[in-house]
PDB file of all heavy atoms in Angstrom:
ATOM      1  N   PRO A   1      39.889  84.080 125.348  1.00  0.00           N
ATOM      2  CA  PRO A   1      38.759  84.470 124.489  1.00  0.00           C
ATOM      3  C   PRO A   1      38.363  85.939 124.635  1.00  0.00           C
ATOM      4  O   PRO A   1      37.554  86.437 123.852  1.00  0.00           O
ATOM      5  CB  PRO A   1      37.634  83.540 124.966  1.00  0.00           C
ATOM      6  CG  PRO A   1      38.334  82.343 125.502  1.00  0.00           C
ATOM      7  CD  PRO A   1      39.563  82.892 126.163  1.00  0.00           C
ATOM      8  N   ASN A   2      38.926  86.617 125.603  1.00  0.00           N
ATOM      9  CA  ASN A   2      38.653  88.050 125.769  1.00  0.00           C
ATOM     10  C   ASN A   2      39.720  88.931 125.136  1.00  0.00           C
ATOM     11  O   ASN A   2      39.649  90.163 125.232  1.00  0.00           O
ATOM     12  CB  ASN A   2      38.525  88.388 127.261  1.00  0.00           C
ATOM     13  CG  ASN A   2      37.302  87.739 127.904  1.00  0.00           C
ATOM     14  OD1 ASN A   2      36.216  87.765 127.332  1.00  0.00           O
ATOM     15  ND2 ASN A   2      37.488  87.146 129.073  1.00  0.00           N
ATOM     16  N   SER A   3      40.714  88.310 124.506  1.00  0.00           N
ATOM     17  CA  SER A   3      41.775  89.076 123.854  1.00  0.00           C
ATOM     18  C   SER A   3      41.247  89.807 122.626  1.00  0.00           C
ATOM     19  O   SER A   3      40.241  89.403 122.014  1.00  0.00           O
ATOM     20  CB  SER A   3      42.907  88.136 123.425  1.00  0.00           C
ATOM     21  OG  SER A   3      43.499  87.500 124.536  1.00  0.00           O
ATOM     22  N   GLU A   4      41.940  90.880 122.254  1.00  0.00           N
ATOM     23  CA  GLU A   4      41.615  91.585 121.025  1.00  0.00           C
ATOM     24  C   GLU A   4      42.123  90.782 119.825  1.00  0.00           C
ATOM     25  O   GLU A   4      43.176  90.133 119.915  1.00  0.00           O
ATOM     26  CB  GLU A   4      42.262  92.976 121.019  1.00  0.00           C
ATOM     27  CG  GLU A   4      41.613  93.967 121.971  1.00  0.00           C
ATOM     28  CD  GLU A   4      40.154  94.232 121.611  1.00  0.00           C
ATOM     29  OE1 GLU A   4      39.877  94.486 120.419  1.00  0.00           O
ATOM     30  OE2 GLU A   4      39.306  94.171 122.518  1.00  0.00           O
ATOM     31  N   PRO A   5      41.400  90.792 118.698  1.00  0.00           N
ATOM     32  CA  PRO A   5      41.879  90.057 117.519  1.00  0.00           C
ATOM     33  C   PRO A   5      43.178  90.649 116.977  1.00  0.00           C
ATOM     34  O   PRO A   5      43.302  91.864 116.823  1.00  0.00           O
ATOM     35  CB  PRO A   5      40.730  90.207 116.516  1.00  0.00           C
ATOM     36  CG  PRO A   5      39.959  91.395 116.971  1.00  0.00           C
ATOM     37  CD  PRO A   5      40.106  91.454 118.454  1.00  0.00           C
ATOM     38  N   THR A   6      44.147  89.782 116.731  1.00  0.00           N
ATOM     39  CA  THR A   6      45.428  90.176 116.145  1.00  0.00           C
ATOM     40  C   THR A   6      45.787  89.160 115.085  1.00  0.00           C
ATOM     41  O   THR A   6      45.908  87.967 115.372  1.00  0.00           O
ATOM     42  CB  THR A   6      46.541  90.213 117.217  1.00  0.00           C
ATOM     43  OG1 THR A   6      46.173  91.128 118.251  1.00  0.00           O
ATOM     44  CG2 THR A   6      47.860  90.671 116.596  1.00  0.00           C
ATOM     45  N   LEU A   7      45.954  89.603 113.860  1.00  0.00           N
ATOM     46  CA  LEU A   7      46.194  88.692 112.741  1.00  0.00           C
ATOM     47  C   LEU A   7      47.619  88.149 112.794  1.00  0.00           C
ATOM     48  O   LEU A   7      48.583  88.871 112.544  1.00  0.00           O
ATOM     49  CB  LEU A   7      45.956  89.415 111.415  1.00  0.00           C
ATOM     50  CG  LEU A   7      45.962  88.535 110.156  1.00  0.00           C
ATOM     51  CD1 LEU A   7      44.869  87.479 110.237  1.00  0.00           C
ATOM     52  CD2 LEU A   7      45.758  89.394 108.913  1.00  0.00           C
ATOM     53  N   LYS A   8      47.725  86.861 113.137  1.00  0.00           N
ATOM     54  CA  LYS A   8      49.028  86.219 113.225  1.00  0.00           C
ATOM     55  C   LYS A   8      49.209  85.096 112.209  1.00  0.00           C
ATOM     56  O   LYS A   8      50.337  84.707 111.903  1.00  0.00           O
ATOM     57  CB  LYS A   8      49.233  85.648 114.635  1.00  0.00           C
ATOM     58  CG  LYS A   8      49.304  86.710 115.719  1.00  0.00           C
ATOM     59  CD  LYS A   8      49.628  86.074 117.066  1.00  0.00           C
ATOM     60  CE  LYS A   8      49.777  87.146 118.146  1.00  0.00           C
ATOM     61  NZ  LYS A   8      50.177  86.548 119.448  1.00  0.00           N
ATOM     62  N   PHE A   9      48.089  84.576 111.722  1.00  0.00           N
ATOM     63  CA  PHE A   9      48.135  83.423 110.830  1.00  0.00           C
ATOM     64  C   PHE A   9      47.262  83.702 109.609  1.00  0.00           C
ATOM     65  O   PHE A   9      46.077  83.994 109.753  1.00  0.00           O
ATOM     66  CB  PHE A   9      47.635  82.169 111.556  1.00  0.00           C
ATOM     67  CG  PHE A   9      48.351  81.884 112.835  1.00  0.00           C
ATOM     68  CD1 PHE A   9      47.929  82.468 114.024  1.00  0.00           C
ATOM     69  CD2 PHE A   9      49.457  81.059 112.865  1.00  0.00           C
ATOM     70  CE1 PHE A   9      48.586  82.229 115.218  1.00  0.00           C
ATOM     71  CE2 PHE A   9      50.129  80.813 114.055  1.00  0.00           C
ATOM     72  CZ  PHE A   9      49.696  81.399 115.231  1.00  0.00           C
ATOM     73  N   ILE A  10      47.858  83.615 108.426  1.00  0.00           N
ATOM     74  CA  ILE A  10      47.110  83.854 107.186  1.00  0.00           C
ATOM     75  C   ILE A  10      47.205  82.622 106.305  1.00  0.00           C
ATOM     76  O   ILE A  10      48.297  82.140 105.991  1.00  0.00           O
ATOM     77  CB  ILE A  10      47.651  85.079 106.419  1.00  0.00           C
ATOM     78  CG1 ILE A  10      47.714  86.318 107.316  1.00  0.00           C
ATOM     79  CG2 ILE A  10      46.767  85.359 105.207  1.00  0.00           C
ATOM     80  CD1 ILE A  10      48.298  87.541 106.628  1.00  0.00           C
ATOM     81  N   ASP A  11      46.042  82.112 105.933  1.00  0.00           N
ATOM     82  CA  ASP A  11      45.942  80.957 105.032  1.00  0.00           C
ATOM     83  C   ASP A  11      45.520  81.483 103.664  1.00  0.00           C
ATOM     84  O   ASP A  11      44.370  81.865 103.470  1.00  0.00           O
ATOM     85  CB  ASP A  11      44.920  79.972 105.605  1.00  0.00           C
ATOM     86  CG  ASP A  11      44.731  78.736 104.736  1.00  0.00           C
ATOM     87  OD1 ASP A  11      45.283  78.687 103.625  1.00  0.00           O
ATOM     88  OD2 ASP A  11      44.002  77.826 105.162  1.00  0.00           O
ATOM     89  N   PHE A  12      46.459  81.522 102.742  1.00  0.00           N
ATOM     90  CA  PHE A  12      46.194  82.048 101.412  1.00  0.00           C
ATOM     91  C   PHE A  12      45.857  80.917 100.450  1.00  0.00           C
ATOM     92  O   PHE A  12      46.715  80.082 100.135  1.00  0.00           O
ATOM     93  CB  PHE A  12      47.422  82.777 100.850  1.00  0.00           C
ATOM     94  CG  PHE A  12      47.601  84.173 101.342  1.00  0.00           C
ATOM     95  CD1 PHE A  12      48.621  84.488 102.217  1.00  0.00           C
ATOM     96  CD2 PHE A  12      46.759  85.188 100.921  1.00  0.00           C
ATOM     97  CE1 PHE A  12      48.805  85.780 102.672  1.00  0.00           C
ATOM     98  CE2 PHE A  12      46.931  86.488 101.368  1.00  0.00           C
ATOM     99  CZ  PHE A  12      47.954  86.783 102.246  1.00  0.00           C
ATOM    100  N   LYS A  13      44.624  80.879  99.985  1.00  0.00           N
ATOM    101  CA  LYS A  13      44.305  80.067  98.816  1.00  0.00           C
ATOM    102  C   LYS A  13      44.447  81.006  97.629  1.00  0.00           C
ATOM    103  O   LYS A  13      43.587  81.849  97.376  1.00  0.00           O
ATOM    104  CB  LYS A  13      42.892  79.492  98.919  1.00  0.00           C
ATOM    105  CG  LYS A  13      42.811  78.334  99.895  1.00  0.00           C
ATOM    106  CD  LYS A  13      41.454  77.689  99.873  1.00  0.00           C
ATOM    107  CE  LYS A  13      41.482  76.372 100.633  1.00  0.00           C
ATOM    108  NZ  LYS A  13      42.012  76.496 101.995  1.00  0.00           N
ATOM    109  N   LEU A  14      45.524  80.858  96.923  1.00  0.00           N
ATOM    110  CA  LEU A  14      45.909  81.838  95.910  1.00  0.00           C
ATOM    111  C   LEU A  14      45.171  81.608  94.598  1.00  0.00           C
ATOM    112  O   LEU A  14      45.764  81.516  93.526  1.00  0.00           O
ATOM    113  CB  LEU A  14      47.424  81.788  95.699  1.00  0.00           C
ATOM    114  CG  LEU A  14      48.251  82.160  96.933  1.00  0.00           C
ATOM    115  CD1 LEU A  14      49.715  81.800  96.733  1.00  0.00           C
ATOM    116  CD2 LEU A  14      48.100  83.631  97.249  1.00  0.00           C
ATOM    117  N   GLY A  15      43.848  81.506  94.690  1.00  0.00           N
ATOM    118  CA  GLY A  15      43.052  81.247  93.500  1.00  0.00           C
ATOM    119  C   GLY A  15      42.962  79.762  93.220  1.00  0.00           C
ATOM    120  O   GLY A  15      43.496  78.920  93.943  1.00  0.00           O
ATOM    121  N   ASN A  16      42.265  79.414  92.140  1.00  0.00           N
ATOM    122  CA  ASN A  16      42.086  77.993  91.807  1.00  0.00           C
ATOM    123  C   ASN A  16      42.911  77.570  90.599  1.00  0.00           C
ATOM    124  O   ASN A  16      42.632  76.539  89.980  1.00  0.00           O
ATOM    125  CB  ASN A  16      40.603  77.677  91.584  1.00  0.00           C
ATOM    126  CG  ASN A  16      40.021  78.378  90.358  1.00  0.00           C
ATOM    127  OD1 ASN A  16      40.683  79.198  89.716  1.00  0.00           O
ATOM    128  ND2 ASN A  16      38.777  78.068  90.036  1.00  0.00           N
ATOM    129  N   VAL A  17      43.940  78.350  90.262  1.00  0.00           N
ATOM    130  CA  VAL A  17      44.814  77.978  89.147  1.00  0.00           C
ATOM    131  C   VAL A  17      45.521  76.672  89.499  1.00  0.00           C
ATOM    132  O   VAL A  17      46.238  76.584  90.501  1.00  0.00           O
ATOM    133  CB  VAL A  17      45.843  79.085  88.860  1.00  0.00           C
ATOM    134  CG1 VAL A  17      46.837  78.630  87.791  1.00  0.00           C
ATOM    135  CG2 VAL A  17      45.141  80.359  88.420  1.00  0.00           C
ATOM    136  N   CYS A  18      45.278  75.647  88.701  1.00  0.00           N
ATOM    137  CA  CYS A  18      45.838  74.329  88.997  1.00  0.00           C
ATOM    138  C   CYS A  18      45.986  73.542  87.700  1.00  0.00           C
ATOM    139  O   CYS A  18      45.225  73.732  86.745  1.00  0.00           O
ATOM    140  CB  CYS A  18      44.931  73.574  89.973  1.00  0.00           C
ATOM    141  SG  CYS A  18      45.660  72.045  90.612  1.00  0.00           S
ATOM    142  N   ASN A  19      46.951  72.637  87.703  1.00  0.00           N
ATOM    143  CA  ASN A  19      47.203  71.805  86.530  1.00  0.00           C
ATOM    144  C   ASN A  19      46.590  70.411  86.654  1.00  0.00           C
ATOM    145  O   ASN A  19      46.732  69.597  85.751  1.00  0.00           O
ATOM    146  CB  ASN A  19      48.709  71.687  86.278  1.00  0.00           C
ATOM    147  CG  ASN A  19      49.454  71.117  87.476  1.00  0.00           C
ATOM    148  OD1 ASN A  19      48.998  71.231  88.615  1.00  0.00           O
ATOM    149  ND2 ASN A  19      50.594  70.503  87.236  1.00  0.00           N
ATOM    150  N   LEU A  20      45.910  70.142  87.783  1.00  0.00           N
ATOM    151  CA  LEU A  20      45.311  68.826  87.985  1.00  0.00           C
ATOM    152  C   LEU A  20      43.794  68.933  88.155  1.00  0.00           C
ATOM    153  O   LEU A  20      43.259  70.001  88.450  1.00  0.00           O
ATOM    154  CB  LEU A  20      45.904  68.133  89.223  1.00  0.00           C
ATOM    155  CG  LEU A  20      47.409  67.873  89.234  1.00  0.00           C
ATOM    156  CD1 LEU A  20      47.783  67.041  90.459  1.00  0.00           C
ATOM    157  CD2 LEU A  20      47.875  67.182  87.958  1.00  0.00           C
ATOM    158  N   LYS A  21      43.141  67.777  87.998  1.00  0.00           N
ATOM    159  CA  LYS A  21      41.692  67.658  88.199  1.00  0.00           C
ATOM    160  C   LYS A  21      41.444  66.440  89.091  1.00  0.00           C
ATOM    161  O   LYS A  21      40.998  65.394  88.628  1.00  0.00           O
ATOM    162  CB  LYS A  21      40.972  67.506  86.863  1.00  0.00           C
ATOM    163  CG  LYS A  21      41.197  68.646  85.891  1.00  0.00           C
ATOM    164  CD  LYS A  21      40.411  68.467  84.600  1.00  0.00           C
ATOM    165  CE  LYS A  21      41.013  67.407  83.702  1.00  0.00           C
ATOM    166  NZ  LYS A  21      40.341  67.344  82.368  1.00  0.00           N
ATOM    167  N   CYS A  22      41.779  66.583  90.373  1.00  0.00           N
ATOM    168  CA  CYS A  22      41.689  65.452  91.291  1.00  0.00           C
ATOM    169  C   CYS A  22      40.229  65.030  91.487  1.00  0.00           C
ATOM    170  O   CYS A  22      39.333  65.869  91.528  1.00  0.00           O
ATOM    171  CB  CYS A  22      42.313  65.817  92.633  1.00  0.00           C
ATOM    172  SG  CYS A  22      44.040  66.336  92.491  1.00  0.00           S
ATOM    173  N   ARG A  23      40.024  63.732  91.635  1.00  0.00           N
ATOM    174  CA  ARG A  23      38.660  63.202  91.744  1.00  0.00           C
ATOM    175  C   ARG A  23      37.892  63.770  92.936  1.00  0.00           C
ATOM    176  O   ARG A  23      36.672  63.886  92.887  1.00  0.00           O
ATOM    177  CB  ARG A  23      38.706  61.670  91.844  1.00  0.00           C
ATOM    178  CG  ARG A  23      39.119  60.973  90.554  1.00  0.00           C
ATOM    179  CD  ARG A  23      37.985  60.870  89.578  1.00  0.00           C
ATOM    180  NE  ARG A  23      38.402  60.274  88.305  1.00  0.00           N
ATOM    181  CZ  ARG A  23      37.587  59.589  87.502  1.00  0.00           C
ATOM    182  NH1 ARG A  23      36.323  59.430  87.824  1.00  0.00           N
ATOM    183  NH2 ARG A  23      38.039  59.100  86.373  1.00  0.00           N
ATOM    184  N   ILE A  24      38.604  64.103  94.016  1.00  0.00           N
ATOM    185  CA  ILE A  24      37.928  64.609  95.210  1.00  0.00           C
ATOM    186  C   ILE A  24      37.921  66.134  95.244  1.00  0.00           C
ATOM    187  O   ILE A  24      37.691  66.741  96.302  1.00  0.00           O
ATOM    188  CB  ILE A  24      38.575  64.053  96.489  1.00  0.00           C
ATOM    189  CG1 ILE A  24      40.058  64.410  96.546  1.00  0.00           C
ATOM    190  CG2 ILE A  24      38.359  62.550  96.569  1.00  0.00           C
ATOM    191  CD1 ILE A  24      40.711  64.077  97.878  1.00  0.00           C
ATOM    192  N   CYS A  25      38.151  66.748  94.110  1.00  0.00           N
ATOM    193  CA  CYS A  25      38.174  68.208  94.020  1.00  0.00           C
ATOM    194  C   CYS A  25      37.049  68.659  93.091  1.00  0.00           C
ATOM    195  O   CYS A  25      36.160  67.904  92.716  1.00  0.00           O
ATOM    196  CB  CYS A  25      39.541  68.678  93.526  1.00  0.00           C
ATOM    197  SG  CYS A  25      39.832  70.455  93.702  1.00  0.00           S
ATOM    198  N   GLY A  26      37.069  69.936  92.722  1.00  0.00           N
ATOM    199  CA  GLY A  26      36.064  70.490  91.821  1.00  0.00           C
ATOM    200  C   GLY A  26      36.466  71.884  91.396  1.00  0.00           C
ATOM    201  O   GLY A  26      37.580  72.348  91.674  1.00  0.00           O
ATOM    202  N   SER A  27      35.560  72.583  90.750  1.00  0.00           N
ATOM    203  CA  SER A  27      35.870  73.896  90.188  1.00  0.00           C
ATOM    204  C   SER A  27      36.252  74.909  91.250  1.00  0.00           C
ATOM    205  O   SER A  27      36.937  75.891  90.967  1.00  0.00           O
ATOM    206  CB  SER A  27      34.669  74.417  89.386  1.00  0.00           C
ATOM    207  OG  SER A  27      33.502  74.478  90.191  1.00  0.00           O
ATOM    208  N   TRP A  28      35.816  74.681  92.511  1.00  0.00           N
ATOM    209  CA  TRP A  28      36.133  75.622  93.586  1.00  0.00           C
ATOM    210  C   TRP A  28      37.643  75.688  93.867  1.00  0.00           C
ATOM    211  O   TRP A  28      38.129  76.688  94.377  1.00  0.00           O
ATOM    212  CB  TRP A  28      35.377  75.246  94.858  1.00  0.00           C
ATOM    213  CG  TRP A  28      35.692  73.887  95.389  1.00  0.00           C
ATOM    214  CD1 TRP A  28      36.682  73.540  96.268  1.00  0.00           C
ATOM    215  CD2 TRP A  28      35.013  72.666  95.069  1.00  0.00           C
ATOM    216  NE1 TRP A  28      36.666  72.194  96.511  1.00  0.00           N
ATOM    217  CE2 TRP A  28      35.656  71.629  95.798  1.00  0.00           C
ATOM    218  CE3 TRP A  28      33.920  72.342  94.251  1.00  0.00           C
ATOM    219  CZ2 TRP A  28      35.240  70.300  95.722  1.00  0.00           C
ATOM    220  CZ3 TRP A  28      33.514  71.018  94.182  1.00  0.00           C
ATOM    221  CH2 TRP A  28      34.167  70.018  94.909  1.00  0.00           C
ATOM    222  N   SER A  29      38.397  74.623  93.519  1.00  0.00           N
ATOM    223  CA  SER A  29      39.836  74.613  93.806  1.00  0.00           C
ATOM    224  C   SER A  29      40.700  74.304  92.600  1.00  0.00           C
ATOM    225  O   SER A  29      41.920  74.209  92.730  1.00  0.00           O
ATOM    226  CB  SER A  29      40.161  73.592  94.907  1.00  0.00           C
ATOM    227  OG  SER A  29      39.766  74.075  96.169  1.00  0.00           O
ATOM    228  N   SER A  30      40.102  74.150  91.431  1.00  0.00           N
ATOM    229  CA  SER A  30      40.888  73.804  90.249  1.00  0.00           C
ATOM    230  C   SER A  30      40.293  74.426  89.000  1.00  0.00           C
ATOM    231  O   SER A  30      39.146  74.156  88.631  1.00  0.00           O
ATOM    232  CB  SER A  30      40.941  72.275  90.079  1.00  0.00           C
ATOM    233  OG  SER A  30      41.444  71.932  88.800  1.00  0.00           O
ATOM    234  N   SER A  31      41.092  75.245  88.324  1.00  0.00           N
ATOM    235  CA  SER A  31      40.659  75.850  87.068  1.00  0.00           C
ATOM    236  C   SER A  31      40.461  74.784  85.993  1.00  0.00           C
ATOM    237  O   SER A  31      39.587  74.921  85.125  1.00  0.00           O
ATOM    238  CB  SER A  31      41.692  76.883  86.605  1.00  0.00           C
ATOM    239  OG  SER A  31      43.009  76.323  86.577  1.00  0.00           O
ATOM    240  N   LYS A  32      41.247  73.718  86.051  1.00  0.00           N
ATOM    241  CA  LYS A  32      41.082  72.618  85.094  1.00  0.00           C
ATOM    242  C   LYS A  32      39.736  71.928  85.301  1.00  0.00           C
ATOM    243  O   LYS A  32      39.055  71.556  84.334  1.00  0.00           O
ATOM    244  CB  LYS A  32      42.223  71.607  85.260  1.00  0.00           C
ATOM    245  CG  LYS A  32      43.587  72.099  84.814  1.00  0.00           C
ATOM    246  CD  LYS A  32      43.687  72.181  83.301  1.00  0.00           C
ATOM    247  CE  LYS A  32      45.105  72.486  82.863  1.00  0.00           C
ATOM    248  NZ  LYS A  32      45.220  72.616  81.396  1.00  0.00           N
ATOM    249  N   TRP A  33      39.355  71.752  86.561  1.00  0.00           N
ATOM    250  CA  TRP A  33      38.056  71.152  86.861  1.00  0.00           C
ATOM    251  C   TRP A  33      36.929  72.064  86.383  1.00  0.00           C
ATOM    252  O   TRP A  33      35.904  71.595  85.853  1.00  0.00           O
ATOM    253  CB  TRP A  33      37.902  70.914  88.362  1.00  0.00           C
ATOM    254  CG  TRP A  33      37.843  69.479  88.788  1.00  0.00           C
ATOM    255  CD1 TRP A  33      38.676  68.849  89.648  1.00  0.00           C
ATOM    256  CD2 TRP A  33      36.886  68.491  88.379  1.00  0.00           C
ATOM    257  NE1 TRP A  33      38.304  67.527  89.805  1.00  0.00           N
ATOM    258  CE2 TRP A  33      37.207  67.290  89.041  1.00  0.00           C
ATOM    259  CE3 TRP A  33      35.791  68.506  87.512  1.00  0.00           C
ATOM    260  CZ2 TRP A  33      36.474  66.110  88.866  1.00  0.00           C
ATOM    261  CZ3 TRP A  33      35.054  67.333  87.339  1.00  0.00           C
ATOM    262  CH2 TRP A  33      35.400  66.154  88.007  1.00  0.00           C
ATOM    263  N   ALA A  34      37.093  73.367  86.568  1.00  0.00           N
ATOM    264  CA  ALA A  34      36.051  74.311  86.151  1.00  0.00           C
ATOM    265  C   ALA A  34      35.759  74.160  84.665  1.00  0.00           C
ATOM    266  O   ALA A  34      34.594  74.120  84.238  1.00  0.00           O
ATOM    267  CB  ALA A  34      36.476  75.740  86.472  1.00  0.00           C
ATOM    268  N   GLN A  35      36.822  74.045  83.866  1.00  0.00           N
ATOM    269  CA  GLN A  35      36.627  73.887  82.434  1.00  0.00           C
ATOM    270  C   GLN A  35      35.956  72.559  82.099  1.00  0.00           C
ATOM    271  O   GLN A  35      35.087  72.484  81.223  1.00  0.00           O
ATOM    272  CB  GLN A  35      37.968  73.986  81.689  1.00  0.00           C
ATOM    273  CG  GLN A  35      37.839  73.988  80.168  1.00  0.00           C
ATOM    274  CD  GLN A  35      36.955  75.111  79.665  1.00  0.00           C
ATOM    275  OE1 GLN A  35      37.239  76.288  79.906  1.00  0.00           O
ATOM    276  NE2 GLN A  35      35.865  74.775  78.978  1.00  0.00           N
ATOM    277  N   GLU A  36      36.322  71.496  82.823  1.00  0.00           N
ATOM    278  CA  GLU A  36      35.697  70.198  82.579  1.00  0.00           C
ATOM    279  C   GLU A  36      34.212  70.234  82.933  1.00  0.00           C
ATOM    280  O   GLU A  36      33.373  69.683  82.195  1.00  0.00           O
ATOM    281  CB  GLU A  36      36.405  69.102  83.379  1.00  0.00           C
ATOM    282  CG  GLU A  36      35.824  67.719  83.122  1.00  0.00           C
ATOM    283  CD  GLU A  36      36.706  66.585  83.629  1.00  0.00           C
ATOM    284  OE1 GLU A  36      37.943  66.709  83.585  1.00  0.00           O
ATOM    285  OE2 GLU A  36      36.147  65.562  84.055  1.00  0.00           O
ATOM    286  N   GLU A  37      33.851  70.892  84.035  1.00  0.00           N
ATOM    287  CA  GLU A  37      32.451  70.994  84.426  1.00  0.00           C
ATOM    288  C   GLU A  37      31.655  71.794  83.392  1.00  0.00           C
ATOM    289  O   GLU A  37      30.482  71.481  83.125  1.00  0.00           O
ATOM    290  CB  GLU A  37      32.343  71.633  85.805  1.00  0.00           C
ATOM    291  CG  GLU A  37      32.836  70.719  86.928  1.00  0.00           C
ATOM    292  CD  GLU A  37      32.811  71.389  88.293  1.00  0.00           C
ATOM    293  OE1 GLU A  37      32.246  72.497  88.399  1.00  0.00           O
ATOM    294  OE2 GLU A  37      33.346  70.808  89.251  1.00  0.00           O
TER     295      GLU A  37
END
């Protein structure tokens, strides 16, 4: 925990462009859901 921060792992959510509208999802992760909302 005393180490200097070094970026080794990157989790890219590459936007919410999606072709599905899963029931447990929403506009935050699906462009299709955004339009439905």
